[in-house]
Amino acid sequence: MTNHKKPHGCVVAFQRFFSGCLAILATGFLILILVFLGVEVEIEGMSLLVLAISGFFVLRYLWKKVGRKSTSNVAAFKHILFDLLRTVAVFILFSIIMTILVQNAGYTGEKDITDDEGSSQTEVVETTDGDDTIKYIVNKLRWRDFDGDWYRMNFKVAENSVKKSKTNRQGYRYTQNFTWGRFYKHMADHDRPLLDHLYASFSKIQQEKKMSRKKFAEFIITSIQNIKYNYIKSTPCTGREDYPCVGNVRLGIFAPAEFSANLKGDCDSRTVLLFVILAKFNYDVAILNSDQYKHSVLGISVPSRGKYKTYNRKKYYFVETTAKGCPIGYLPKDVSTLRYWDFVLVN
């Protein structure tokens, strides 16, 4: 008879209040997960929409009004217990889903990489080859391309290769016959075999993503565009520069292997590295310089739209390398007069 005693009004009120709070808590938890996956992990589009719809259907199922009318105090407390278990189930279910999606997206929670596009983490890794120990400088980069697709890749180069690259650059003789094209070629030819790990990393992602030829070129270009800009000067830095500055660098440029390791580069440090990488993958590329603008850009012969210059009947579309988000064929207005641009190196 006790189990069928009419429930006390306070018990019913508490049951309704408690159940309502748990439902709100579970709904808020789901919303927070969706926001986290969309903003932090960059899961977007149809995947996020499907997850959101599925989540709210799960919530509706768990809190549908089946047997909600309490016929006794015992029944009311049972409903409270069941609502608590439902809430725990929601937390566990969506925590598992979030963990799976986060792992698949490669999210690490490292703020200097995930929150600041173009930033990096650098570490030195040692490996053994027989009796020899090889040190590698590894920069962990994360960026997105012109379509908004995110990528994560290691720029890996042997420490000894960086030293060879620096010695080669510093040993170049500056004579009356000096031209930037010859100097760029000198560095490109020397450093090309030093970047095998970089080629392998780019190629691996290309195969995984099944990129078209143009998409692959954009993938490589945006990886360099997203590296933060630095002045590289042959003279000492004054401290009044509006960007970070590295001074006393001979001829005011870092060679490809050096730049891959220190990620400090201005316009021609970037164009020479891109020239080497894209040429390795059989793209027709060129470096164009402007004495008028004191600037260097890349040219690439791929089907595109925008500004270009012709060399040997091929259209080489301009690529601005010092700012992210500049698509192939784009030149900033303040450097856009074509007659001021000259080819200095063509592969």
Protein backbone atom coordinates (compact mmCIF):
# COMPACT_ATOMS: atom_id res chain seq x y z
CA MET A 1 0.00 0.00 0.00
CA THR A 2 2.89 2.37 0.77
CA ASN A 3 4.22 2.22 -2.79
CA HIS A 4 0.87 3.46 -4.12
CA LYS A 5 0.55 6.34 -1.73
CA LYS A 6 0.00 9.63 -3.54
CA PRO A 7 3.38 11.39 -3.83
CA HIS A 8 4.05 14.43 -1.70
CA GLY A 9 3.82 17.73 -3.62
CA CYS A 10 7.35 18.74 -2.60
CA VAL A 11 8.76 15.47 -3.94
CA VAL A 12 7.01 15.97 -7.28
CA ALA A 13 8.21 19.57 -7.48
CA PHE A 14 11.77 18.50 -6.70
CA GLN A 15 11.57 15.75 -9.32
CA ARG A 16 10.46 18.18 -12.01
CA PHE A 17 13.05 20.80 -11.02
CA PHE A 18 15.87 18.26 -10.83
CA SER A 19 14.91 16.64 -14.15
CA GLY A 20 14.70 20.03 -15.83
CA CYS A 21 18.15 21.03 -14.55
CA LEU A 22 19.66 17.78 -15.80
CA ALA A 23 18.07 18.22 -19.23
CA ILE A 24 19.43 21.78 -19.45
CA LEU A 25 22.85 20.58 -18.30
CA ALA A 26 22.97 17.82 -20.92
CA THR A 27 21.80 20.19 -23.65
CA GLY A 28 24.42 22.76 -22.65
CA PHE A 29 27.08 20.06 -22.65
CA LEU A 30 26.11 19.04 -26.18
CA ILE A 31 26.21 22.67 -27.38
CA LEU A 32 29.66 23.18 -25.83
CA ILE A 33 30.94 20.05 -27.59
CA LEU A 34 29.59 21.26 -30.93
CA VAL A 35 31.16 24.69 -30.45
CA PHE A 36 34.48 23.10 -29.47
CA LEU A 37 34.48 20.78 -32.49
CA GLY A 38 33.57 23.61 -34.84
CA VAL A 39 35.92 26.31 -33.51
CA GLU A 40 38.89 24.48 -32.03
CA VAL A 41 39.07 21.27 -34.04
CA GLU A 42 37.67 22.84 -37.24
CA ILE A 43 35.14 20.10 -37.94
CA GLU A 44 32.69 21.85 -40.20
CA GLY A 45 30.12 21.55 -42.95
CA MET A 46 27.96 18.46 -43.27
CA SER A 47 29.89 16.51 -40.60
CA LEU A 48 29.11 19.09 -37.93
CA LEU A 49 25.48 19.39 -39.06
CA VAL A 50 24.94 15.62 -38.90
CA LEU A 51 26.52 15.48 -35.46
CA ALA A 52 24.34 18.32 -34.19
CA ILE A 53 21.09 16.78 -35.51
CA SER A 54 22.03 13.35 -34.15
CA GLY A 55 22.86 14.85 -30.77
CA PHE A 56 19.53 16.59 -30.37
CA PHE A 57 17.61 13.48 -31.45
CA VAL A 58 19.51 11.50 -28.80
CA LEU A 59 18.57 14.09 -26.19
CA ARG A 60 14.94 14.02 -27.26
CA TYR A 61 14.87 10.22 -27.03
CA LEU A 62 16.45 10.15 -23.59
CA TRP A 63 14.07 12.76 -22.18
CA LYS A 64 10.85 11.78 -23.93
CA LYS A 65 7.90 11.76 -21.59
CA VAL A 66 7.45 8.03 -20.94
CA GLY A 67 6.25 7.16 -17.49
CA ARG A 68 6.82 10.70 -16.24
CA LYS A 69 3.67 10.76 -14.12
CA SER A 70 4.70 9.72 -10.61
CA THR A 71 2.14 7.62 -8.75
CA SER A 72 4.11 7.47 -5.51
CA ASN A 73 7.09 8.89 -3.69
CA VAL A 74 9.09 5.81 -4.65
CA ALA A 75 8.19 6.29 -8.32
CA ALA A 76 9.18 9.97 -8.13
CA PHE A 77 12.61 9.08 -6.74
CA LYS A 78 12.98 6.40 -9.39
CA HIS A 79 12.37 9.02 -12.06
CA ILE A 80 15.02 11.23 -10.47
CA LEU A 81 17.47 8.31 -10.52
CA PHE A 82 16.65 7.47 -14.14
CA ASP A 83 17.09 11.12 -15.17
CA LEU A 84 20.47 11.17 -13.47
CA LEU A 85 21.48 8.00 -15.33
CA ARG A 86 20.27 9.53 -18.60
CA THR A 87 22.48 12.56 -18.00
CA VAL A 88 25.49 10.39 -17.27
CA ALA A 89 24.78 8.43 -20.45
CA VAL A 90 24.75 11.65 -22.48
CA PHE A 91 28.09 12.76 -20.98
CA ILE A 92 29.71 9.39 -21.67
CA LEU A 93 28.27 9.02 -25.18
CA PHE A 94 29.25 12.44 -26.43
CA SER A 95 32.62 12.36 -24.66
CA ILE A 96 33.43 9.20 -26.62
CA ILE A 97 32.22 10.79 -29.87
CA MET A 98 34.25 13.94 -29.19
CA THR A 99 37.38 11.91 -28.39
CA ILE A 100 37.10 9.97 -31.65
CA LEU A 101 36.53 13.09 -33.75
CA VAL A 102 39.35 15.01 -32.04
CA GLN A 103 41.80 12.17 -32.61
CA ASN A 104 40.80 11.87 -36.27
CA ALA A 105 41.26 15.62 -36.72
CA GLY A 106 44.71 15.49 -35.18
CA TYR A 107 43.90 18.08 -32.52
CA THR A 108 46.56 18.37 -29.80
CA GLY A 109 45.39 21.30 -27.72
CA GLU A 110 48.72 23.07 -28.21
CA LYS A 111 47.72 26.71 -28.32
CA ASP A 112 50.74 27.97 -30.20
CA ILE A 113 49.83 25.72 -33.11
CA THR A 114 46.05 25.41 -33.08
CA ASP A 115 45.06 28.93 -32.09
CA ASP A 116 47.66 30.83 -34.07
CA GLU A 117 47.70 29.88 -37.72
CA GLY A 118 51.23 29.93 -39.11
CA SER A 119 52.95 29.46 -35.77
CA SER A 120 55.09 26.41 -35.10
CA GLN A 121 56.74 24.18 -32.57
CA THR A 122 60.40 23.33 -33.06
CA GLU A 123 62.28 20.39 -31.64
CA VAL A 124 65.55 18.59 -32.27
CA VAL A 125 65.25 14.84 -32.84
CA GLU A 126 68.17 12.43 -32.78
CA THR A 127 68.31 9.19 -34.75
CA THR A 128 71.07 6.62 -35.10
CA ASP A 129 72.43 5.20 -38.34
CA GLY A 130 74.91 2.51 -37.38
CA ASP A 131 77.50 4.26 -35.23
CA ASP A 132 76.43 7.71 -36.40
CA THR A 133 73.94 9.96 -34.62
CA ILE A 134 71.97 12.28 -36.86
CA LYS A 135 70.19 15.34 -35.49
CA TYR A 136 67.12 16.67 -37.24
CA ILE A 137 65.46 20.03 -36.77
CA VAL A 138 61.69 19.48 -36.89
CA ASN A 139 59.19 22.32 -37.20
CA LYS A 140 55.59 21.26 -36.65
CA LEU A 141 53.42 23.46 -38.85
CA ARG A 142 49.70 23.79 -39.23
CA TRP A 143 47.96 25.89 -41.87
CA ARG A 144 45.04 26.03 -44.26
CA ASP A 145 44.99 26.45 -48.02
CA PHE A 146 42.95 28.75 -50.25
CA ASP A 147 39.90 26.45 -49.93
CA GLY A 148 40.03 26.57 -46.13
CA ASP A 149 41.29 22.98 -45.80
CA TRP A 150 43.58 22.47 -42.81
CA TYR A 151 46.90 20.62 -42.89
CA ARG A 152 49.49 19.56 -40.37
CA MET A 153 53.02 18.69 -41.46
CA ASN A 154 56.57 18.53 -40.13
CA PHE A 155 59.30 20.54 -41.83
CA LYS A 156 62.21 18.20 -41.13
CA VAL A 157 65.80 18.86 -42.13
CA ALA A 158 69.10 17.44 -40.88
CA GLU A 159 71.11 19.80 -38.70
CA ASN A 160 74.22 18.99 -40.72
CA SER A 161 72.39 19.92 -43.93
CA VAL A 162 71.59 23.33 -42.48
CA LYS A 163 75.26 23.89 -41.73
CA LYS A 164 76.20 22.91 -45.29
CA SER A 165 73.54 25.24 -46.65
CA LYS A 166 74.82 28.15 -44.61
CA THR A 167 78.45 27.51 -45.59
CA ASN A 168 77.49 27.37 -49.27
CA ARG A 169 75.53 30.64 -49.09
CA GLN A 170 78.21 32.49 -47.17
CA GLY A 171 80.92 31.23 -49.52
CA TYR A 172 79.33 32.67 -52.65
CA ARG A 173 81.61 35.28 -54.20
CA TYR A 174 80.10 38.69 -54.75
CA THR A 175 81.72 40.00 -57.95
CA GLN A 176 81.00 42.63 -60.59
CA ASN A 177 79.10 39.97 -62.55
CA PHE A 178 76.80 39.21 -59.62
CA THR A 179 73.14 38.70 -60.45
CA TRP A 180 70.38 37.58 -58.14
CA GLY A 181 69.37 34.89 -60.61
CA ARG A 182 72.82 33.26 -60.54
CA PHE A 183 72.95 33.50 -56.77
CA TYR A 184 69.48 31.96 -56.37
CA LYS A 185 70.45 29.13 -58.73
CA HIS A 186 73.65 28.55 -56.77
CA MET A 187 71.67 28.07 -53.55
CA ALA A 188 68.85 26.10 -55.22
CA ASP A 189 71.20 23.61 -56.91
CA HIS A 190 73.18 23.08 -53.71
CA ASP A 191 70.21 22.66 -51.34
CA ARG A 192 67.96 20.57 -53.60
CA PRO A 193 69.29 17.20 -52.32
CA LEU A 194 69.22 18.40 -48.71
CA LEU A 195 65.41 18.60 -48.56
CA ASP A 196 64.46 14.95 -49.14
CA HIS A 197 62.46 14.71 -45.90
CA LEU A 198 60.45 17.76 -46.91
CA TYR A 199 59.66 16.31 -50.34
CA ALA A 200 58.58 13.03 -48.74
CA SER A 201 56.23 14.79 -46.30
CA PHE A 202 54.56 16.83 -49.04
CA SER A 203 54.24 13.77 -51.27
CA LYS A 204 52.71 11.65 -48.51
CA ILE A 205 49.92 14.16 -47.84
CA GLN A 206 49.31 14.57 -51.58
CA GLN A 207 48.74 10.83 -51.89
CA GLU A 208 46.58 10.64 -48.77
CA LYS A 209 44.37 13.53 -49.89
CA LYS A 210 44.44 12.54 -53.58
CA MET A 211 45.09 16.14 -54.59
CA SER A 212 44.84 17.42 -58.12
CA ARG A 213 47.97 18.97 -59.58
CA LYS A 214 46.82 22.55 -58.94
CA LYS A 215 45.54 21.71 -55.46
CA PHE A 216 48.93 20.22 -54.62
CA ALA A 217 50.72 23.37 -55.82
CA GLU A 218 48.39 25.50 -53.67
CA PHE A 219 49.02 23.19 -50.71
CA ILE A 220 52.78 23.74 -51.01
CA ILE A 221 52.47 27.49 -51.63
CA THR A 222 50.19 28.10 -48.64
CA SER A 223 52.55 26.20 -46.34
CA ILE A 224 55.17 28.89 -47.00
CA GLN A 225 52.74 31.82 -47.10
CA ASN A 226 51.57 30.98 -43.58
CA ILE A 227 55.05 31.21 -42.06
CA LYS A 228 55.39 34.50 -40.23
CA TYR A 229 57.32 37.20 -42.07
CA ASN A 230 60.77 38.32 -40.95
CA TYR A 231 63.15 40.93 -42.30
CA ILE A 232 66.47 39.37 -43.25
CA LYS A 233 69.14 42.06 -43.48
CA SER A 234 72.79 42.06 -44.46
CA THR A 235 73.22 44.97 -42.05
CA PRO A 236 72.38 45.08 -38.33
CA CYS A 237 68.72 45.47 -37.37
CA THR A 238 67.85 48.90 -36.01
CA GLY A 239 65.10 47.80 -33.65
CA ARG A 240 62.64 50.10 -35.42
CA GLU A 241 61.44 47.52 -37.95
CA ASP A 242 57.71 46.80 -38.11
CA TYR A 243 58.38 43.04 -38.37
CA PRO A 244 60.79 40.74 -36.54
CA CYS A 245 64.26 41.19 -37.93
CA VAL A 246 67.38 39.07 -38.34
CA GLY A 247 70.48 41.14 -39.07
CA ASN A 248 74.02 40.57 -40.30
CA VAL A 249 73.01 37.78 -42.70
CA ARG A 250 75.30 37.76 -45.73
CA LEU A 251 73.44 39.03 -48.81
CA GLY A 252 70.27 39.35 -46.74
CA ILE A 253 68.75 35.95 -47.48
CA PHE A 254 68.54 32.47 -45.98
CA ALA A 255 69.12 29.52 -48.29
CA PRO A 256 66.34 26.88 -48.65
CA ALA A 257 67.63 24.42 -46.03
CA GLU A 258 68.34 27.28 -43.59
CA PHE A 259 64.87 28.73 -44.02
CA SER A 260 63.27 25.29 -43.64
CA ALA A 261 64.99 24.98 -40.28
CA ASN A 262 64.66 28.45 -38.76
CA LEU A 263 61.39 29.55 -40.49
CA LYS A 264 62.71 33.10 -40.67
CA GLY A 265 62.42 34.48 -44.15
CA ASP A 266 61.59 37.52 -46.25
CA CYS A 267 60.44 37.53 -49.87
CA ASP A 268 63.34 35.90 -51.69
CA SER A 269 64.09 33.39 -48.92
CA ARG A 270 60.57 32.15 -49.56
CA THR A 271 60.60 32.28 -53.35
CA VAL A 272 63.84 30.29 -53.59
CA LEU A 273 62.54 27.58 -51.25
CA LEU A 274 59.26 27.34 -53.15
CA PHE A 275 61.18 27.31 -56.44
CA VAL A 276 63.18 24.28 -55.25
CA ILE A 277 60.20 22.35 -53.87
CA LEU A 278 57.84 22.96 -56.79
CA ALA A 279 60.55 22.24 -59.36
CA LYS A 280 61.18 18.94 -57.57
CA PHE A 281 57.56 18.01 -58.31
CA ASN A 282 57.97 18.99 -61.98
CA TYR A 283 56.14 22.30 -61.94
CA ASP A 284 57.28 25.04 -64.30
CA VAL A 285 58.26 27.81 -61.90
CA ALA A 286 60.22 31.03 -62.02
CA ILE A 287 61.44 33.77 -59.72
CA LEU A 288 60.62 37.35 -60.66
CA ASN A 289 62.26 40.35 -59.00
CA SER A 290 61.48 44.03 -59.10
CA ASP A 291 64.15 46.68 -58.52
CA GLN A 292 61.39 49.26 -58.43
CA TYR A 293 59.48 47.53 -55.64
CA LYS A 294 62.52 45.86 -54.00
CA HIS A 295 60.51 42.67 -53.88
CA SER A 296 60.61 39.07 -55.10
CA VAL A 297 57.72 36.80 -56.09
CA LEU A 298 57.24 33.34 -57.52
CA GLY A 299 55.82 32.59 -60.94
CA ILE A 300 54.11 29.29 -61.71
CA SER A 301 52.79 27.95 -65.00
CA VAL A 302 49.48 26.30 -64.07
CA PRO A 303 45.96 26.98 -65.38
CA SER A 304 44.78 29.96 -63.37
CA ARG A 305 43.39 33.47 -63.53
CA GLY A 306 44.85 36.82 -62.61
CA LYS A 307 48.15 38.52 -63.33
CA TYR A 308 50.94 36.78 -65.19
CA LYS A 309 53.99 37.35 -67.35
CA THR A 310 55.00 35.26 -70.36
CA TYR A 311 58.32 33.52 -70.79
CA ASN A 312 59.00 31.27 -73.79
CA ARG A 313 55.28 31.33 -74.63
CA LYS A 314 54.33 30.10 -71.17
CA LYS A 315 52.19 32.08 -68.77
CA TYR A 316 53.74 32.32 -65.32
CA TYR A 317 51.13 33.47 -62.82
CA PHE A 318 52.35 35.61 -59.95
CA VAL A 319 52.44 34.17 -56.44
CA GLU A 320 52.87 36.54 -53.49
CA THR A 321 54.72 34.50 -50.86
CA THR A 322 54.92 36.90 -47.91
CA ALA A 323 51.24 37.03 -46.92
CA LYS A 324 48.76 34.22 -46.36
CA GLY A 325 45.63 33.92 -48.43
CA CYS A 326 47.09 35.43 -51.63
CA PRO A 327 45.89 33.11 -54.43
CA ILE A 328 47.79 32.26 -57.57
CA GLY A 329 47.56 35.21 -59.97
CA TYR A 330 47.19 37.84 -57.26
CA LEU A 331 49.54 40.81 -56.81
CA PRO A 332 48.99 43.52 -54.17
CA LYS A 333 48.03 46.86 -55.72
CA ASP A 334 51.17 48.60 -54.53
CA VAL A 335 53.39 46.18 -56.52
CA SER A 336 51.09 45.35 -59.44
CA THR A 337 52.63 47.20 -62.40
CA LEU A 338 53.85 44.35 -64.61
CA ARG A 339 56.61 46.25 -66.42
CA TYR A 340 58.52 46.53 -63.16
CA TRP A 341 58.83 42.75 -62.85
CA ASP A 342 61.61 40.75 -64.50
CA PHE A 343 62.38 37.03 -64.70
CA VAL A 344 65.63 36.26 -62.89
CA LEU A 345 65.45 32.46 -62.73
CA VAL A 346 63.35 29.89 -64.62
CA ASN A 347 63.59 26.15 -64.07
